Amino acid sequence: MEENIPINLIVRYLSNEASSDEQVQLFDWISLNAENQKRFNEFCEVWHKNYTHPEDFNEQQALHVLNTKIDKLSSVVERKTNWLKVASIVAVLTLATLSLYVFNLKSDLPEIAYIVKQNPPGQKSHFQLSDGSVVYLNAGSSIRLPEKFSNQTREVELIKGEAFFDIKRDSLRPFIIHTGVVQTKVLGTSFNVRYDKTTTEVAVKSGLVQVSNSQKKELITVNEKITVSENSILRGQADLESILAWRNSTLILDNLSLADAAAKMEMWYGVKVSFANSATQQCKISGKYKNQSLENVLEAIAFAIEIEYEIKNKEVKITGKGCQ
């Protein structure tokens, strides 16, 4: 029923005016069931299509669009009641859109003492944050974080690479990860973030996660992933076994060209791979290697596609005729 949809709370959230307590209330409502999440996403779609900029705001259009959407959400409520509810929302929307227009989603991090943790290729790490949350940092990755979180905020920046976050719940201080123009915001959950300077991929293991760029906000939950760039957001189902394989020291090569497999091995083992014959780079390879040495992986690949390899110090040279 419509009265169970916290419309005013959703409007405050989308206009960045919701308090921490209100965000908790909204997140709890969304996580109750799939229908609530669907209704929230539908409302977000209407919001972002019609009310991103104040100069685009049209009261009559707002009445029509929102009234149509709310009617779809709950056909049992009389149209007159719907119209009155929407009319009351429009006043809030008029001010809220102005707030949304001037609000900077990528606000500067507080001027406090920060440190940078970085892993070279071939090295992973994990560490506990000052709030009790735990971060697992993949090889070739770096993250910027405060030595101690303030009483108002918990924010970090994943500079590059990949990290898994197990966040301690704190309803008064949402946890925010910055990756370029993208923000990932949670209250208490576990999830994986991968960032390559242009694209951010977030996959959720537990709880509820909000991901946003300069144009849109989305909420994803367990076994869902989202891929975000500056101008696009793509949702999908998450293959957590594959995505989190690095946490379990499992190297997965899923129908990759040998060139792409070599790039993964460079990051995984901290080596440099070269090819004597460029045609060899196009050979396709698949495999799953848990707690395996570089030599064991190369031996398995050599058996599968008839190549030869030489390991010298931190360099690997691959020779072969190539594949048809």
Protein backbone atom coordinates (compact mmCIF):
# COMPACT_ATOMS: atom_id res chain seq x y z
CA MET A 1 0.00 0.00 0.00
CA GLU A 2 1.16 3.55 -0.74
CA GLU A 3 1.12 4.66 2.87
CA ASN A 4 3.91 2.15 3.48
CA ILE A 5 6.18 3.90 0.96
CA PRO A 6 8.29 6.52 2.80
CA ILE A 7 8.02 9.06 -0.02
CA ASN A 8 9.11 12.11 1.98
CA LEU A 9 12.09 10.14 3.28
CA ILE A 10 13.06 9.13 -0.26
CA VAL A 11 12.82 12.75 -1.42
CA ARG A 12 15.04 13.91 1.45
CA TYR A 13 17.53 11.15 0.64
CA LEU A 14 17.69 11.97 -3.08
CA SER A 15 18.14 15.67 -2.33
CA ASN A 16 20.99 14.86 0.09
CA GLU A 17 19.07 16.29 3.04
CA ALA A 18 18.42 13.05 4.94
CA SER A 19 20.07 12.75 8.34
CA SER A 20 22.04 9.64 9.29
CA ASP A 21 19.03 8.33 11.24
CA GLU A 22 16.76 8.91 8.24
CA GLN A 23 19.21 7.09 5.98
CA VAL A 24 19.16 4.13 8.35
CA GLN A 25 15.34 4.13 8.30
CA LEU A 26 15.30 4.21 4.51
CA PHE A 27 17.96 1.51 4.11
CA ASP A 28 16.08 -0.71 6.56
CA TRP A 29 12.84 -0.25 4.59
CA ILE A 30 14.53 -0.99 1.25
CA SER A 31 16.22 -4.13 2.59
CA LEU A 32 12.93 -5.60 3.87
CA ASN A 33 12.11 -7.17 0.49
CA ALA A 34 12.72 -7.03 -3.25
CA GLU A 35 9.48 -5.13 -3.87
CA ASN A 36 10.62 -2.23 -1.69
CA GLN A 37 13.92 -2.07 -3.55
CA LYS A 38 12.05 -2.10 -6.88
CA ARG A 39 9.78 0.75 -5.75
CA PHE A 40 12.76 2.78 -4.56
CA ASN A 41 14.58 2.33 -7.88
CA GLU A 42 11.43 3.34 -9.81
CA PHE A 43 11.14 6.51 -7.75
CA CYS A 44 14.85 7.22 -8.30
CA GLU A 45 14.34 6.84 -12.05
CA VAL A 46 11.57 9.46 -12.05
CA TRP A 47 13.68 11.78 -9.90
CA HIS A 48 16.82 11.61 -12.03
CA LYS A 49 14.92 11.95 -15.31
CA ASN A 50 12.96 15.02 -14.25
CA TYR A 51 14.52 16.87 -11.33
CA THR A 52 18.30 16.92 -11.71
CA HIS A 53 18.50 20.64 -12.54
CA PRO A 54 16.27 23.41 -11.18
CA GLU A 55 15.84 25.06 -14.58
CA ASP A 56 14.20 21.83 -15.79
CA PHE A 57 11.64 21.83 -13.00
CA ASN A 58 8.03 22.09 -14.19
CA GLU A 59 5.33 21.84 -11.58
CA GLN A 60 2.59 20.51 -13.87
CA GLN A 61 4.94 17.95 -15.37
CA ALA A 62 6.03 16.92 -11.89
CA LEU A 63 2.42 16.39 -10.87
CA HIS A 64 1.76 14.26 -13.92
CA VAL A 65 4.93 12.15 -13.84
CA LEU A 66 5.00 11.49 -10.12
CA ASN A 67 1.26 10.90 -9.92
CA THR A 68 1.51 8.34 -12.72
CA LYS A 69 4.44 6.59 -11.03
CA ILE A 70 2.76 6.49 -7.62
CA ASP A 71 -0.46 5.17 -9.19
CA LYS A 72 1.58 2.33 -10.68
CA LEU A 73 3.13 1.56 -7.30
CA SER A 74 -0.23 1.25 -5.58
CA SER A 75 -3.44 0.92 -7.58
CA VAL A 76 -5.60 0.50 -4.45
CA VAL A 77 -5.28 4.17 -3.42
CA GLU A 78 -7.78 6.61 -4.90
CA ARG A 79 -6.46 9.04 -7.50
CA LYS A 80 -7.59 12.03 -5.49
CA THR A 81 -5.55 10.87 -2.52
CA ASN A 82 -2.57 10.30 -4.79
CA TRP A 83 -2.89 13.79 -6.27
CA LEU A 84 -2.99 15.42 -2.87
CA LYS A 85 0.04 13.46 -1.69
CA VAL A 86 1.98 14.39 -4.81
CA ALA A 87 0.95 18.02 -4.44
CA SER A 88 2.43 18.04 -0.96
CA ILE A 89 5.63 16.52 -2.30
CA VAL A 90 6.03 19.14 -5.03
CA ALA A 91 6.70 21.87 -2.48
CA VAL A 92 9.49 19.75 -1.05
CA LEU A 93 10.80 18.92 -4.53
CA THR A 94 11.05 22.59 -5.49
CA LEU A 95 13.51 23.26 -2.67
CA ALA A 96 15.12 19.84 -2.81
CA THR A 97 16.08 20.11 -6.47
CA LEU A 98 17.85 23.39 -5.75
CA SER A 99 19.79 21.67 -2.99
CA LEU A 100 20.63 18.77 -5.29
CA TYR A 101 21.88 21.12 -7.99
CA VAL A 102 24.40 22.89 -5.77
CA PHE A 103 25.36 19.86 -3.68
CA ASN A 104 28.76 18.47 -4.63
CA LEU A 105 28.58 14.66 -4.47
CA LYS A 106 32.33 14.40 -4.41
CA SER A 107 33.04 16.61 -1.43
CA ASP A 108 36.61 17.14 -0.40
CA LEU A 109 37.90 14.88 2.33
CA PRO A 110 38.48 16.55 5.73
CA GLU A 111 41.85 18.17 6.31
CA ILE A 112 43.17 15.66 8.82
CA ALA A 113 46.20 13.39 8.92
CA TYR A 114 46.07 10.88 6.06
CA ILE A 115 48.22 7.92 5.18
CA VAL A 116 48.53 5.92 1.97
CA LYS A 117 48.81 2.15 2.03
CA GLN A 118 49.99 0.55 -1.19
CA ASN A 119 50.86 -2.95 -2.29
CA PRO A 120 53.36 -3.65 -5.07
CA PRO A 121 52.53 -6.36 -7.62
CA GLY A 122 52.78 -9.79 -6.04
CA GLN A 123 51.85 -8.63 -2.53
CA LYS A 124 48.46 -8.52 -0.75
CA SER A 125 47.68 -7.15 2.70
CA HIS A 126 44.89 -6.62 5.20
CA PHE A 127 44.55 -4.18 8.07
CA GLN A 128 42.05 -2.83 10.59
CA LEU A 129 40.78 0.74 10.49
CA SER A 130 40.31 2.95 13.53
CA ASP A 131 36.58 2.14 13.66
CA GLY A 132 37.15 -1.62 13.71
CA SER A 133 36.40 -2.15 10.02
CA VAL A 134 38.78 -4.39 8.08
CA VAL A 135 40.22 -3.77 4.60
CA TYR A 136 41.81 -6.44 2.38
CA LEU A 137 43.99 -4.77 -0.25
CA ASN A 138 44.86 -6.64 -3.45
CA ALA A 139 48.24 -6.67 -5.17
CA GLY A 140 49.11 -3.54 -7.15
CA SER A 141 46.54 -1.48 -5.24
CA SER A 142 46.70 1.64 -3.09
CA ILE A 143 44.30 3.35 -0.70
CA ARG A 144 44.29 6.71 1.10
CA LEU A 145 42.74 6.84 4.56
CA PRO A 146 42.82 8.91 7.75
CA GLU A 147 44.95 7.74 10.64
CA LYS A 148 41.79 8.05 12.71
CA PHE A 149 38.21 8.71 11.64
CA SER A 150 36.53 11.85 12.97
CA ASN A 151 33.31 11.80 14.95
CA GLN A 152 31.38 13.00 11.91
CA THR A 153 32.62 10.95 8.97
CA ARG A 154 34.32 7.78 7.74
CA GLU A 155 35.80 8.34 4.30
CA VAL A 156 38.62 6.70 2.34
CA GLU A 157 39.87 6.88 -1.23
CA LEU A 158 40.76 3.80 -3.27
CA ILE A 159 43.42 5.35 -5.48
CA LYS A 160 43.77 2.34 -7.76
CA GLY A 161 43.30 -1.40 -7.82
CA GLU A 162 41.01 -3.57 -5.74
CA ALA A 163 39.96 -3.94 -2.12
CA PHE A 164 37.45 -5.89 -0.06
CA PHE A 165 35.78 -3.99 2.78
CA ASP A 166 34.22 -5.54 5.89
CA ILE A 167 32.63 -2.46 7.45
CA LYS A 168 31.61 -2.18 11.08
CA ARG A 169 28.09 -0.81 11.37
CA ASP A 170 27.79 2.78 12.58
CA SER A 171 24.40 4.36 11.90
CA LEU A 172 25.70 7.83 12.74
CA ARG A 173 28.69 7.68 10.39
CA PRO A 174 28.10 6.13 6.96
CA PHE A 175 31.28 4.72 5.39
CA ILE A 176 32.20 6.28 2.03
CA ILE A 177 34.76 5.05 -0.53
CA HIS A 178 35.81 7.54 -3.20
CA THR A 179 36.97 6.17 -6.58
CA GLY A 180 37.36 9.02 -9.05
CA VAL A 181 33.91 10.51 -9.70
CA VAL A 182 32.16 7.58 -8.02
CA GLN A 183 31.13 7.22 -4.38
CA THR A 184 30.25 3.98 -2.60
CA LYS A 185 28.32 4.52 0.63
CA VAL A 186 27.37 1.98 3.31
CA LEU A 187 26.35 1.78 6.95
CA GLY A 188 27.66 -1.69 7.76
CA THR A 189 28.26 -4.42 5.19
CA SER A 190 30.91 -6.35 3.24
CA PHE A 191 31.68 -5.76 -0.42
CA ASN A 192 34.40 -5.68 -3.08
CA VAL A 193 35.52 -2.57 -4.98
CA ARG A 194 37.67 -2.58 -8.12
CA TYR A 195 38.82 0.69 -9.71
CA ASP A 196 40.87 1.28 -12.86
CA LYS A 197 40.78 5.10 -13.19
CA THR A 198 37.75 5.13 -15.52
CA THR A 199 35.46 2.43 -14.13
CA THR A 200 34.41 1.33 -10.65
CA GLU A 201 32.93 -2.13 -10.04
CA VAL A 202 31.22 -2.88 -6.72
CA ALA A 203 30.01 -6.36 -5.71
CA VAL A 204 28.08 -6.97 -2.47
CA LYS A 205 28.66 -9.98 -0.24
CA SER A 206 26.40 -8.84 2.61
CA GLY A 207 24.17 -5.89 3.42
CA LEU A 208 23.14 -2.94 1.28
CA VAL A 209 25.40 -0.56 -0.65
CA GLN A 210 24.68 2.77 -2.34
CA VAL A 211 26.78 3.64 -5.40
CA SER A 212 26.57 7.00 -7.18
CA ASN A 213 28.20 9.09 -9.86
CA SER A 214 27.47 12.72 -10.75
CA GLN A 215 24.19 11.76 -12.41
CA LYS A 216 22.55 8.94 -10.50
CA LYS A 217 22.36 6.86 -7.33
CA GLU A 218 21.71 3.12 -7.13
CA LEU A 219 21.31 0.66 -4.28
CA ILE A 220 22.54 -2.93 -4.61
CA THR A 221 22.34 -5.82 -2.21
CA VAL A 222 23.71 -9.35 -1.70
CA ASN A 223 24.95 -11.13 -4.86
CA GLU A 224 24.54 -8.00 -6.98
CA LYS A 225 27.21 -5.93 -8.66
CA ILE A 226 27.28 -2.57 -10.35
CA THR A 227 29.74 -1.09 -12.83
CA VAL A 228 29.97 2.71 -12.81
CA SER A 229 31.78 5.23 -14.97
CA GLU A 230 31.33 8.98 -15.14
CA ASN A 231 28.34 8.72 -17.48
CA SER A 232 26.88 5.26 -17.00
CA ILE A 233 25.72 2.75 -14.40
CA LEU A 234 25.23 -0.94 -15.24
CA ARG A 235 23.66 -3.38 -12.76
CA GLY A 236 23.97 -7.18 -12.82
CA GLN A 237 24.32 -10.38 -10.83
CA ALA A 238 27.66 -10.92 -9.11
CA ASP A 239 29.69 -14.11 -9.46
CA LEU A 240 31.16 -13.74 -5.99
CA GLU A 241 33.23 -16.92 -6.24
CA SER A 242 35.10 -15.45 -9.19
CA ILE A 243 35.17 -11.84 -7.97
CA LEU A 244 36.45 -12.76 -4.51
CA ALA A 245 38.83 -15.49 -5.67
CA TRP A 246 41.82 -13.24 -4.99
CA ARG A 247 40.85 -13.19 -1.30
CA ASN A 248 41.26 -16.97 -1.24
CA SER A 249 44.60 -16.92 -3.08
CA THR A 250 42.96 -18.39 -6.19
CA LEU A 251 44.10 -17.17 -9.60
CA ILE A 252 41.32 -17.57 -12.18
CA LEU A 253 42.04 -17.40 -15.90
CA ASP A 254 38.65 -17.58 -17.61
CA ASN A 255 39.06 -17.98 -21.37
CA LEU A 256 41.67 -15.23 -21.49
CA SER A 257 44.17 -14.51 -24.20
CA LEU A 258 47.68 -15.39 -23.10
CA ALA A 259 48.47 -11.65 -23.21
CA ASP A 260 45.69 -10.91 -20.70
CA ALA A 261 46.66 -13.93 -18.61
CA ALA A 262 50.24 -12.64 -18.56
CA ALA A 263 49.02 -9.26 -17.27
CA LYS A 264 47.20 -11.01 -14.41
CA MET A 265 50.28 -13.10 -13.60
CA GLU A 266 52.44 -9.96 -13.56
CA MET A 267 50.18 -8.42 -10.93
CA TRP A 268 49.69 -11.71 -9.03
CA TYR A 269 53.35 -12.75 -8.80
CA GLY A 270 55.17 -9.44 -9.23
CA VAL A 271 57.00 -10.43 -12.41
CA LYS A 272 57.46 -9.11 -15.95
CA VAL A 273 56.28 -11.33 -18.82
CA SER A 274 57.53 -10.99 -22.41
CA PHE A 275 56.76 -12.92 -25.62
CA ALA A 276 59.29 -13.98 -28.23
CA ASN A 277 56.46 -14.44 -30.77
CA SER A 278 53.52 -12.00 -30.72
CA ALA A 279 51.25 -14.66 -32.24
CA THR A 280 51.50 -16.59 -28.98
CA GLN A 281 49.74 -13.77 -27.15
CA GLN A 282 46.43 -14.62 -28.86
CA CYS A 283 46.29 -18.18 -27.54
CA LYS A 284 43.29 -18.73 -25.22
CA ILE A 285 43.70 -20.24 -21.77
CA SER A 286 41.44 -21.16 -18.85
CA GLY A 287 42.31 -22.44 -15.42
CA LYS A 288 41.88 -22.09 -11.68
CA TYR A 289 45.00 -22.15 -9.53
CA LYS A 290 44.71 -22.05 -5.74
CA ASN A 291 47.90 -21.37 -3.77
CA GLN A 292 50.02 -22.28 -6.79
CA SER A 293 53.51 -21.04 -7.55
CA LEU A 294 54.28 -19.14 -10.75
CA GLU A 295 56.20 -22.13 -12.07
CA ASN A 296 53.25 -24.48 -11.47
CA VAL A 297 50.88 -22.14 -13.31
CA LEU A 298 53.23 -21.75 -16.25
CA GLU A 299 53.76 -25.50 -16.38
CA ALA A 300 49.99 -26.06 -16.62
CA ILE A 301 49.67 -23.45 -19.36
CA ALA A 302 52.62 -24.91 -21.27
CA PHE A 303 50.98 -28.33 -21.18
CA ALA A 304 47.66 -26.95 -22.47
CA ILE A 305 48.84 -24.81 -25.41
CA GLU A 306 52.36 -26.05 -26.15
CA ILE A 307 54.53 -23.14 -25.16
CA GLU A 308 57.89 -22.97 -23.48
CA TYR A 309 58.92 -20.55 -20.78
CA GLU A 310 62.00 -19.37 -18.95
CA ILE A 311 62.01 -17.74 -15.51
CA LYS A 312 65.01 -15.60 -14.65
CA ASN A 313 64.90 -13.47 -11.53
CA LYS A 314 61.61 -11.55 -11.87
CA GLU A 315 61.29 -11.95 -15.62
CA VAL A 316 59.40 -14.58 -17.61
CA LYS A 317 60.03 -15.17 -21.31
CA ILE A 318 57.46 -17.18 -23.26
CA THR A 319 58.20 -18.80 -26.61
CA GLY A 320 55.95 -20.78 -28.95
CA LYS A 321 54.47 -20.97 -32.44
CA GLY A 322 51.16 -19.39 -31.57
CA CYS A 323 47.62 -20.70 -31.88
CA GLN A 324 45.21 -20.91 -34.79
